[in-house]
N, C-alpha and C. Protein backbone atom coordinates (compact mmCIF):
# COMPACT_ATOMS: atom_id res chain seq x y z
N MET A 1 6.75 -7.66 18.92
CA MET A 1 6.60 -7.21 17.55
C MET A 1 6.07 -8.37 16.71
N ASP A 2 4.93 -8.13 16.17
CA ASP A 2 4.39 -9.11 15.23
C ASP A 2 3.55 -8.37 14.22
N GLY A 3 3.29 -9.02 13.16
CA GLY A 3 2.47 -8.44 12.11
C GLY A 3 3.32 -7.91 10.97
N ILE A 4 2.69 -7.91 9.82
CA ILE A 4 3.33 -7.46 8.59
C ILE A 4 2.54 -6.30 8.02
N VAL A 5 3.26 -5.29 7.61
CA VAL A 5 2.66 -4.17 6.87
C VAL A 5 3.04 -4.36 5.42
N VAL A 6 2.07 -4.24 4.53
CA VAL A 6 2.36 -4.38 3.10
C VAL A 6 1.75 -3.19 2.35
N GLY A 7 2.58 -2.57 1.52
CA GLY A 7 2.11 -1.46 0.70
C GLY A 7 1.38 -2.00 -0.52
N VAL A 8 0.17 -1.51 -0.73
CA VAL A 8 -0.65 -2.01 -1.84
C VAL A 8 -1.14 -0.84 -2.68
N ASP A 9 -0.78 -0.88 -3.96
CA ASP A 9 -1.42 -0.01 -4.95
C ASP A 9 -1.94 -0.95 -6.03
N ASP A 10 -2.20 -0.46 -7.21
CA ASP A 10 -2.75 -1.36 -8.23
C ASP A 10 -1.68 -1.86 -9.19
N SER A 11 -0.44 -1.92 -8.75
CA SER A 11 0.64 -2.39 -9.61
C SER A 11 0.88 -3.89 -9.44
N PRO A 12 1.43 -4.53 -10.46
CA PRO A 12 1.77 -5.95 -10.33
C PRO A 12 2.78 -6.22 -9.21
N GLY A 13 3.72 -5.32 -9.01
CA GLY A 13 4.71 -5.49 -7.94
C GLY A 13 4.06 -5.50 -6.57
N ALA A 14 3.10 -4.63 -6.36
CA ALA A 14 2.39 -4.59 -5.08
C ALA A 14 1.57 -5.86 -4.88
N GLN A 15 1.01 -6.39 -5.95
CA GLN A 15 0.24 -7.62 -5.85
C GLN A 15 1.15 -8.78 -5.44
N ARG A 16 2.33 -8.85 -6.03
CA ARG A 16 3.29 -9.89 -5.64
C ARG A 16 3.72 -9.72 -4.19
N ALA A 17 3.91 -8.47 -3.76
CA ALA A 17 4.30 -8.20 -2.37
C ALA A 17 3.19 -8.66 -1.42
N LEU A 18 1.95 -8.40 -1.77
CA LEU A 18 0.82 -8.83 -0.93
C LEU A 18 0.78 -10.35 -0.83
N GLU A 19 0.94 -11.03 -1.95
CA GLU A 19 0.90 -12.50 -1.94
C GLU A 19 2.03 -13.07 -1.08
N TRP A 20 3.22 -12.48 -1.18
CA TRP A 20 4.34 -12.93 -0.36
C TRP A 20 4.06 -12.68 1.12
N ALA A 21 3.53 -11.50 1.43
CA ALA A 21 3.23 -11.14 2.83
C ALA A 21 2.19 -12.08 3.43
N LEU A 22 1.17 -12.43 2.67
CA LEU A 22 0.14 -13.34 3.18
C LEU A 22 0.73 -14.72 3.47
N ALA A 23 1.60 -15.20 2.58
CA ALA A 23 2.22 -16.51 2.80
C ALA A 23 3.13 -16.49 4.02
N GLU A 24 3.89 -15.42 4.19
CA GLU A 24 4.77 -15.30 5.36
C GLU A 24 3.95 -15.18 6.65
N ALA A 25 2.88 -14.43 6.60
CA ALA A 25 2.03 -14.28 7.78
C ALA A 25 1.42 -15.61 8.19
N ALA A 26 1.10 -16.46 7.24
CA ALA A 26 0.52 -17.77 7.55
C ALA A 26 1.50 -18.63 8.34
N VAL A 27 2.79 -18.51 8.03
CA VAL A 27 3.81 -19.28 8.74
C VAL A 27 3.85 -18.88 10.22
N HIS A 28 3.72 -17.59 10.49
CA HIS A 28 3.87 -17.06 11.86
C HIS A 28 2.54 -16.76 12.55
N GLN A 29 1.43 -16.91 11.80
CA GLN A 29 0.11 -16.54 12.31
C GLN A 29 0.06 -15.06 12.72
N TRP A 30 0.61 -14.22 11.86
CA TRP A 30 0.65 -12.79 12.07
C TRP A 30 -0.53 -12.10 11.37
N THR A 31 -0.85 -10.94 11.84
CA THR A 31 -1.81 -10.06 11.18
C THR A 31 -1.11 -9.38 10.01
N VAL A 32 -1.84 -9.20 8.92
CA VAL A 32 -1.32 -8.46 7.76
C VAL A 32 -2.11 -7.16 7.65
N ARG A 33 -1.38 -6.07 7.64
CA ARG A 33 -2.00 -4.74 7.51
C ARG A 33 -1.75 -4.24 6.10
N LEU A 34 -2.82 -4.16 5.30
CA LEU A 34 -2.73 -3.65 3.94
C LEU A 34 -2.83 -2.14 3.99
N VAL A 35 -1.81 -1.46 3.47
CA VAL A 35 -1.73 -0.01 3.55
C VAL A 35 -1.77 0.59 2.15
N HIS A 36 -2.71 1.49 1.95
CA HIS A 36 -2.81 2.21 0.68
C HIS A 36 -2.85 3.70 0.96
N ALA A 37 -1.88 4.41 0.42
CA ALA A 37 -1.83 5.86 0.58
C ALA A 37 -2.58 6.51 -0.57
N ILE A 38 -3.50 7.39 -0.22
CA ILE A 38 -4.25 8.14 -1.21
C ILE A 38 -3.49 9.44 -1.45
N PRO A 39 -3.08 9.71 -2.69
CA PRO A 39 -2.31 10.93 -2.93
C PRO A 39 -3.10 12.17 -2.52
N PRO A 40 -2.44 13.10 -1.84
CA PRO A 40 -3.13 14.35 -1.48
C PRO A 40 -3.58 15.09 -2.73
N ILE A 41 -4.72 15.74 -2.63
CA ILE A 41 -5.28 16.47 -3.76
C ILE A 41 -4.53 17.79 -3.90
N GLN A 42 -4.08 18.08 -5.11
CA GLN A 42 -3.28 19.27 -5.36
C GLN A 42 -4.12 20.53 -5.53
N SER A 43 -5.21 20.42 -6.26
CA SER A 43 -5.99 21.62 -6.55
C SER A 43 -7.43 21.25 -6.86
N LEU A 44 -8.33 22.07 -6.39
CA LEU A 44 -9.75 21.85 -6.67
C LEU A 44 -10.36 22.98 -7.49
N TYR A 45 -9.56 23.95 -7.87
CA TYR A 45 -10.08 25.10 -8.59
C TYR A 45 -10.53 24.69 -9.97
N PRO A 46 -11.83 24.84 -10.28
CA PRO A 46 -12.34 24.35 -11.56
C PRO A 46 -12.10 25.28 -12.75
N TYR A 47 -11.40 26.38 -12.58
CA TYR A 47 -11.11 27.31 -13.67
C TYR A 47 -12.36 27.75 -14.41
N GLY A 48 -13.44 27.88 -13.68
CA GLY A 48 -14.68 28.38 -14.26
C GLY A 48 -15.40 27.39 -15.14
N MET A 49 -14.99 26.16 -15.16
CA MET A 49 -15.62 25.17 -16.03
C MET A 49 -16.32 24.12 -15.18
N GLY A 50 -17.51 23.79 -15.52
CA GLY A 50 -18.21 22.71 -14.84
C GLY A 50 -18.66 23.08 -13.44
N GLU A 51 -19.17 22.08 -12.75
CA GLU A 51 -19.66 22.28 -11.39
C GLU A 51 -18.52 22.26 -10.39
N MET A 52 -18.72 22.95 -9.29
CA MET A 52 -17.76 22.90 -8.19
C MET A 52 -17.93 21.55 -7.48
N VAL A 53 -16.84 20.88 -7.21
CA VAL A 53 -16.88 19.61 -6.50
C VAL A 53 -16.39 19.86 -5.08
N TRP A 54 -17.17 19.43 -4.11
CA TRP A 54 -16.83 19.67 -2.72
C TRP A 54 -15.80 18.67 -2.24
N LEU A 55 -14.89 19.12 -1.42
CA LEU A 55 -13.80 18.30 -0.92
C LEU A 55 -14.32 17.06 -0.19
N ASP A 56 -15.38 17.19 0.57
CA ASP A 56 -15.93 16.02 1.29
C ASP A 56 -16.34 14.92 0.31
N ASP A 57 -16.95 15.31 -0.82
CA ASP A 57 -17.35 14.33 -1.83
C ASP A 57 -16.13 13.63 -2.44
N ILE A 58 -15.08 14.39 -2.70
CA ILE A 58 -13.86 13.83 -3.27
C ILE A 58 -13.21 12.88 -2.26
N ASN A 59 -13.11 13.31 -1.01
CA ASN A 59 -12.51 12.46 0.03
C ASN A 59 -13.27 11.16 0.18
N GLU A 60 -14.58 11.25 0.23
CA GLU A 60 -15.40 10.04 0.40
C GLU A 60 -15.21 9.09 -0.78
N GLY A 61 -15.20 9.63 -1.98
CA GLY A 61 -15.01 8.80 -3.16
C GLY A 61 -13.62 8.17 -3.21
N ALA A 62 -12.60 8.93 -2.83
CA ALA A 62 -11.23 8.42 -2.84
C ALA A 62 -11.06 7.32 -1.79
N GLU A 63 -11.62 7.49 -0.63
CA GLU A 63 -11.52 6.47 0.42
C GLU A 63 -12.27 5.20 0.01
N LYS A 64 -13.42 5.36 -0.62
CA LYS A 64 -14.19 4.20 -1.09
C LYS A 64 -13.39 3.46 -2.17
N ALA A 65 -12.80 4.19 -3.09
CA ALA A 65 -12.01 3.57 -4.15
C ALA A 65 -10.79 2.85 -3.58
N ALA A 66 -10.18 3.43 -2.55
CA ALA A 66 -9.01 2.80 -1.92
C ALA A 66 -9.39 1.48 -1.27
N ARG A 67 -10.52 1.45 -0.58
CA ARG A 67 -10.96 0.22 0.06
C ARG A 67 -11.32 -0.84 -0.99
N GLU A 68 -11.94 -0.42 -2.08
CA GLU A 68 -12.26 -1.35 -3.16
C GLU A 68 -10.99 -1.91 -3.79
N LEU A 69 -9.96 -1.07 -3.93
CA LEU A 69 -8.68 -1.53 -4.46
C LEU A 69 -8.09 -2.60 -3.54
N LEU A 70 -8.14 -2.38 -2.22
CA LEU A 70 -7.61 -3.37 -1.28
C LEU A 70 -8.44 -4.65 -1.30
N ASP A 71 -9.76 -4.52 -1.38
CA ASP A 71 -10.62 -5.70 -1.49
C ASP A 71 -10.24 -6.53 -2.72
N ALA A 72 -10.06 -5.85 -3.85
CA ALA A 72 -9.74 -6.54 -5.11
C ALA A 72 -8.37 -7.21 -5.04
N ALA A 73 -7.39 -6.52 -4.47
CA ALA A 73 -6.04 -7.10 -4.35
C ALA A 73 -6.06 -8.33 -3.46
N LEU A 74 -6.79 -8.26 -2.35
CA LEU A 74 -6.88 -9.41 -1.44
C LEU A 74 -7.59 -10.57 -2.12
N ALA A 75 -8.66 -10.29 -2.84
CA ALA A 75 -9.38 -11.34 -3.56
C ALA A 75 -8.49 -11.98 -4.62
N GLN A 76 -7.73 -11.16 -5.36
CA GLN A 76 -6.83 -11.69 -6.39
C GLN A 76 -5.75 -12.58 -5.77
N ALA A 77 -5.36 -12.27 -4.53
CA ALA A 77 -4.35 -13.07 -3.83
C ALA A 77 -4.94 -14.35 -3.25
N GLY A 78 -6.24 -14.54 -3.38
CA GLY A 78 -6.88 -15.75 -2.86
C GLY A 78 -7.41 -15.59 -1.45
N GLY A 79 -7.44 -14.37 -0.95
CA GLY A 79 -7.94 -14.12 0.40
C GLY A 79 -6.89 -14.40 1.45
N ALA A 80 -7.26 -14.18 2.69
CA ALA A 80 -6.34 -14.39 3.80
C ALA A 80 -6.26 -15.87 4.14
N PRO A 81 -5.05 -16.39 4.36
CA PRO A 81 -4.92 -17.78 4.79
C PRO A 81 -5.57 -17.99 6.16
N ALA A 82 -5.89 -19.23 6.46
CA ALA A 82 -6.48 -19.55 7.76
C ALA A 82 -5.58 -19.06 8.88
N GLY A 83 -6.18 -18.42 9.87
CA GLY A 83 -5.44 -17.94 11.02
C GLY A 83 -4.77 -16.59 10.84
N VAL A 84 -4.91 -15.99 9.66
CA VAL A 84 -4.29 -14.69 9.40
C VAL A 84 -5.37 -13.62 9.35
N ALA A 85 -5.28 -12.68 10.25
CA ALA A 85 -6.20 -11.54 10.26
C ALA A 85 -5.67 -10.47 9.31
N VAL A 86 -6.58 -9.76 8.67
CA VAL A 86 -6.21 -8.71 7.73
C VAL A 86 -6.84 -7.40 8.19
N GLU A 87 -6.03 -6.35 8.19
CA GLU A 87 -6.51 -5.00 8.52
C GLU A 87 -6.23 -4.08 7.33
N TYR A 88 -7.07 -3.07 7.17
CA TYR A 88 -6.88 -2.08 6.11
C TYR A 88 -6.51 -0.74 6.72
N VAL A 89 -5.58 -0.05 6.07
CA VAL A 89 -5.27 1.34 6.41
C VAL A 89 -5.27 2.11 5.11
N THR A 90 -6.16 3.08 5.00
CA THR A 90 -6.19 3.99 3.86
C THR A 90 -6.16 5.40 4.42
N ARG A 91 -5.26 6.21 3.88
CA ARG A 91 -5.18 7.57 4.39
C ARG A 91 -4.58 8.49 3.33
N PHE A 92 -4.98 9.75 3.36
CA PHE A 92 -4.41 10.76 2.48
C PHE A 92 -3.01 11.08 3.01
N ALA A 93 -1.99 10.64 2.30
CA ALA A 93 -0.61 10.85 2.73
C ALA A 93 0.33 10.40 1.63
N PRO A 94 1.56 10.90 1.64
CA PRO A 94 2.56 10.33 0.73
C PRO A 94 2.82 8.87 1.13
N ALA A 95 2.94 8.00 0.15
CA ALA A 95 3.04 6.56 0.41
C ALA A 95 4.20 6.20 1.33
N ALA A 96 5.39 6.71 1.07
CA ALA A 96 6.55 6.34 1.89
C ALA A 96 6.35 6.77 3.34
N ASN A 97 5.84 7.97 3.55
CA ASN A 97 5.62 8.46 4.92
C ASN A 97 4.64 7.56 5.67
N LEU A 98 3.55 7.19 5.01
CA LEU A 98 2.54 6.36 5.66
C LEU A 98 3.10 4.98 5.97
N LEU A 99 3.84 4.38 5.05
CA LEU A 99 4.40 3.06 5.28
C LEU A 99 5.43 3.08 6.42
N VAL A 100 6.27 4.09 6.47
CA VAL A 100 7.24 4.21 7.57
C VAL A 100 6.50 4.34 8.90
N GLU A 101 5.48 5.17 8.93
CA GLU A 101 4.69 5.33 10.16
C GLU A 101 4.06 4.01 10.58
N GLU A 102 3.50 3.28 9.64
CA GLU A 102 2.84 2.01 9.95
C GLU A 102 3.84 0.91 10.33
N SER A 103 5.11 1.08 10.00
CA SER A 103 6.12 0.06 10.30
C SER A 103 6.49 0.00 11.78
N ARG A 104 6.13 1.01 12.53
CA ARG A 104 6.51 1.04 13.95
C ARG A 104 5.88 -0.12 14.71
N GLY A 105 6.74 -0.90 15.35
CA GLY A 105 6.28 -2.02 16.16
C GLY A 105 5.91 -3.26 15.37
N LYS A 106 6.19 -3.28 14.10
CA LYS A 106 5.84 -4.45 13.27
C LYS A 106 7.07 -5.32 13.03
N ALA A 107 6.84 -6.55 12.64
CA ALA A 107 7.92 -7.48 12.36
C ALA A 107 8.53 -7.24 10.99
N LEU A 108 7.71 -6.91 10.01
CA LEU A 108 8.18 -6.72 8.64
C LEU A 108 7.35 -5.66 7.92
N LEU A 109 8.00 -5.00 6.98
CA LEU A 109 7.32 -4.13 6.02
C LEU A 109 7.64 -4.70 4.64
N VAL A 110 6.62 -4.96 3.84
CA VAL A 110 6.80 -5.58 2.53
C VAL A 110 6.28 -4.64 1.45
N VAL A 111 7.10 -4.41 0.43
CA VAL A 111 6.71 -3.58 -0.71
C VAL A 111 7.21 -4.23 -1.99
N GLY A 112 6.61 -3.87 -3.09
CA GLY A 112 7.10 -4.29 -4.39
C GLY A 112 8.24 -3.40 -4.81
N SER A 113 9.08 -3.91 -5.70
CA SER A 113 10.24 -3.11 -6.13
C SER A 113 9.84 -1.98 -7.05
N ARG A 114 8.70 -2.10 -7.71
CA ARG A 114 8.23 -1.04 -8.60
C ARG A 114 6.74 -0.86 -8.41
N GLY A 115 6.32 0.37 -8.25
CA GLY A 115 4.89 0.65 -8.12
C GLY A 115 4.40 1.39 -9.34
N ARG A 116 3.74 2.50 -9.12
CA ARG A 116 3.15 3.27 -10.21
C ARG A 116 3.95 4.51 -10.57
N GLY A 117 5.23 4.54 -10.20
CA GLY A 117 6.07 5.69 -10.54
C GLY A 117 6.35 5.76 -12.03
N GLY A 118 6.98 6.85 -12.46
CA GLY A 118 7.16 7.08 -13.88
C GLY A 118 8.49 6.66 -14.47
N PHE A 119 9.45 6.22 -13.68
CA PHE A 119 10.76 5.88 -14.21
C PHE A 119 10.90 4.37 -14.33
N THR A 120 10.52 3.84 -15.47
CA THR A 120 10.43 2.39 -15.64
C THR A 120 11.79 1.70 -15.60
N GLY A 121 12.87 2.41 -15.80
CA GLY A 121 14.18 1.79 -15.80
C GLY A 121 14.77 1.56 -14.42
N LEU A 122 14.21 2.14 -13.40
CA LEU A 122 14.77 1.98 -12.06
C LEU A 122 14.48 0.60 -11.50
N LEU A 123 15.44 0.04 -10.80
CA LEU A 123 15.24 -1.27 -10.18
C LEU A 123 14.37 -1.15 -8.94
N LEU A 124 14.60 -0.12 -8.16
CA LEU A 124 13.78 0.14 -6.98
C LEU A 124 12.98 1.41 -7.22
N GLY A 125 11.72 1.41 -6.84
CA GLY A 125 10.93 2.62 -6.94
C GLY A 125 11.30 3.56 -5.82
N SER A 126 10.88 4.80 -5.91
CA SER A 126 11.24 5.78 -4.88
C SER A 126 10.64 5.41 -3.53
N VAL A 127 9.44 4.83 -3.50
CA VAL A 127 8.83 4.45 -2.23
C VAL A 127 9.62 3.32 -1.59
N SER A 128 9.96 2.29 -2.35
CA SER A 128 10.70 1.18 -1.76
C SER A 128 12.08 1.64 -1.28
N GLN A 129 12.71 2.55 -1.99
CA GLN A 129 13.99 3.09 -1.55
C GLN A 129 13.84 3.85 -0.24
N GLN A 130 12.83 4.69 -0.16
CA GLN A 130 12.63 5.49 1.05
C GLN A 130 12.32 4.63 2.26
N VAL A 131 11.45 3.64 2.09
CA VAL A 131 11.11 2.81 3.26
C VAL A 131 12.28 1.93 3.67
N ALA A 132 13.10 1.50 2.71
CA ALA A 132 14.28 0.70 3.04
C ALA A 132 15.23 1.48 3.95
N HIS A 133 15.27 2.78 3.79
CA HIS A 133 16.16 3.61 4.59
C HIS A 133 15.55 4.08 5.91
N HIS A 134 14.22 4.17 5.98
CA HIS A 134 13.62 4.83 7.13
C HIS A 134 12.65 3.99 7.96
N ALA A 135 12.33 2.80 7.53
CA ALA A 135 11.34 1.98 8.27
C ALA A 135 11.88 1.60 9.64
N ASP A 136 10.95 1.32 10.53
CA ASP A 136 11.27 0.98 11.91
C ASP A 136 11.41 -0.53 12.11
N CYS A 137 11.38 -1.29 11.02
CA CYS A 137 11.47 -2.74 11.09
C CYS A 137 12.17 -3.23 9.83
N PRO A 138 12.51 -4.51 9.77
CA PRO A 138 13.09 -5.01 8.52
C PRO A 138 12.14 -4.82 7.34
N VAL A 139 12.73 -4.58 6.19
CA VAL A 139 11.96 -4.34 4.96
C VAL A 139 12.27 -5.45 3.96
N VAL A 140 11.21 -5.99 3.37
CA VAL A 140 11.35 -6.97 2.30
C VAL A 140 10.86 -6.30 1.02
N VAL A 141 11.73 -6.24 0.02
CA VAL A 141 11.36 -5.68 -1.28
C VAL A 141 11.24 -6.84 -2.25
N ILE A 142 10.03 -7.07 -2.73
CA ILE A 142 9.77 -8.17 -3.63
C ILE A 142 10.08 -7.71 -5.06
N PRO A 143 10.97 -8.42 -5.75
CA PRO A 143 11.34 -8.00 -7.10
C PRO A 143 10.22 -8.20 -8.10
N ALA A 144 10.33 -7.47 -9.18
CA ALA A 144 9.36 -7.62 -10.26
C ALA A 144 9.52 -9.02 -10.86
N GLU A 145 8.43 -9.57 -11.33
CA GLU A 145 8.49 -10.87 -11.97
C GLU A 145 9.30 -10.76 -13.25
N ARG A 146 10.14 -11.73 -13.48
CA ARG A 146 11.00 -11.69 -14.67
C ARG A 146 10.54 -12.70 -15.67
């Protein structure tokens, strides 16, 4: 078991989690797998307004945006340290489910304590809570900067 999985969205907590994961991976010379879950599309019905948008176009655009988000997060973190390989995983799935799936056979799963959820008063976000209970490896939850 080696390698770190880190959940990345565009939140400050996820950015801190990525930076921590890269530093830890450098110590062990582990691969870091950046995972971004693309929320499933709920509805495409245009209600008679505007042009019909094809699902393939939406999927392609969402996957491109997800990869750009991961590129930007990695660049903001200063890139991968020497000796650390980085992999990207982007998929249409609920975030917690995808992170738990990706945790199989890994040394660590790293997430921020708060992502893009709507309940700002919670100490742990719903994704970090779910992965803490269901991941197949140890979970590190990086707290919000104080």
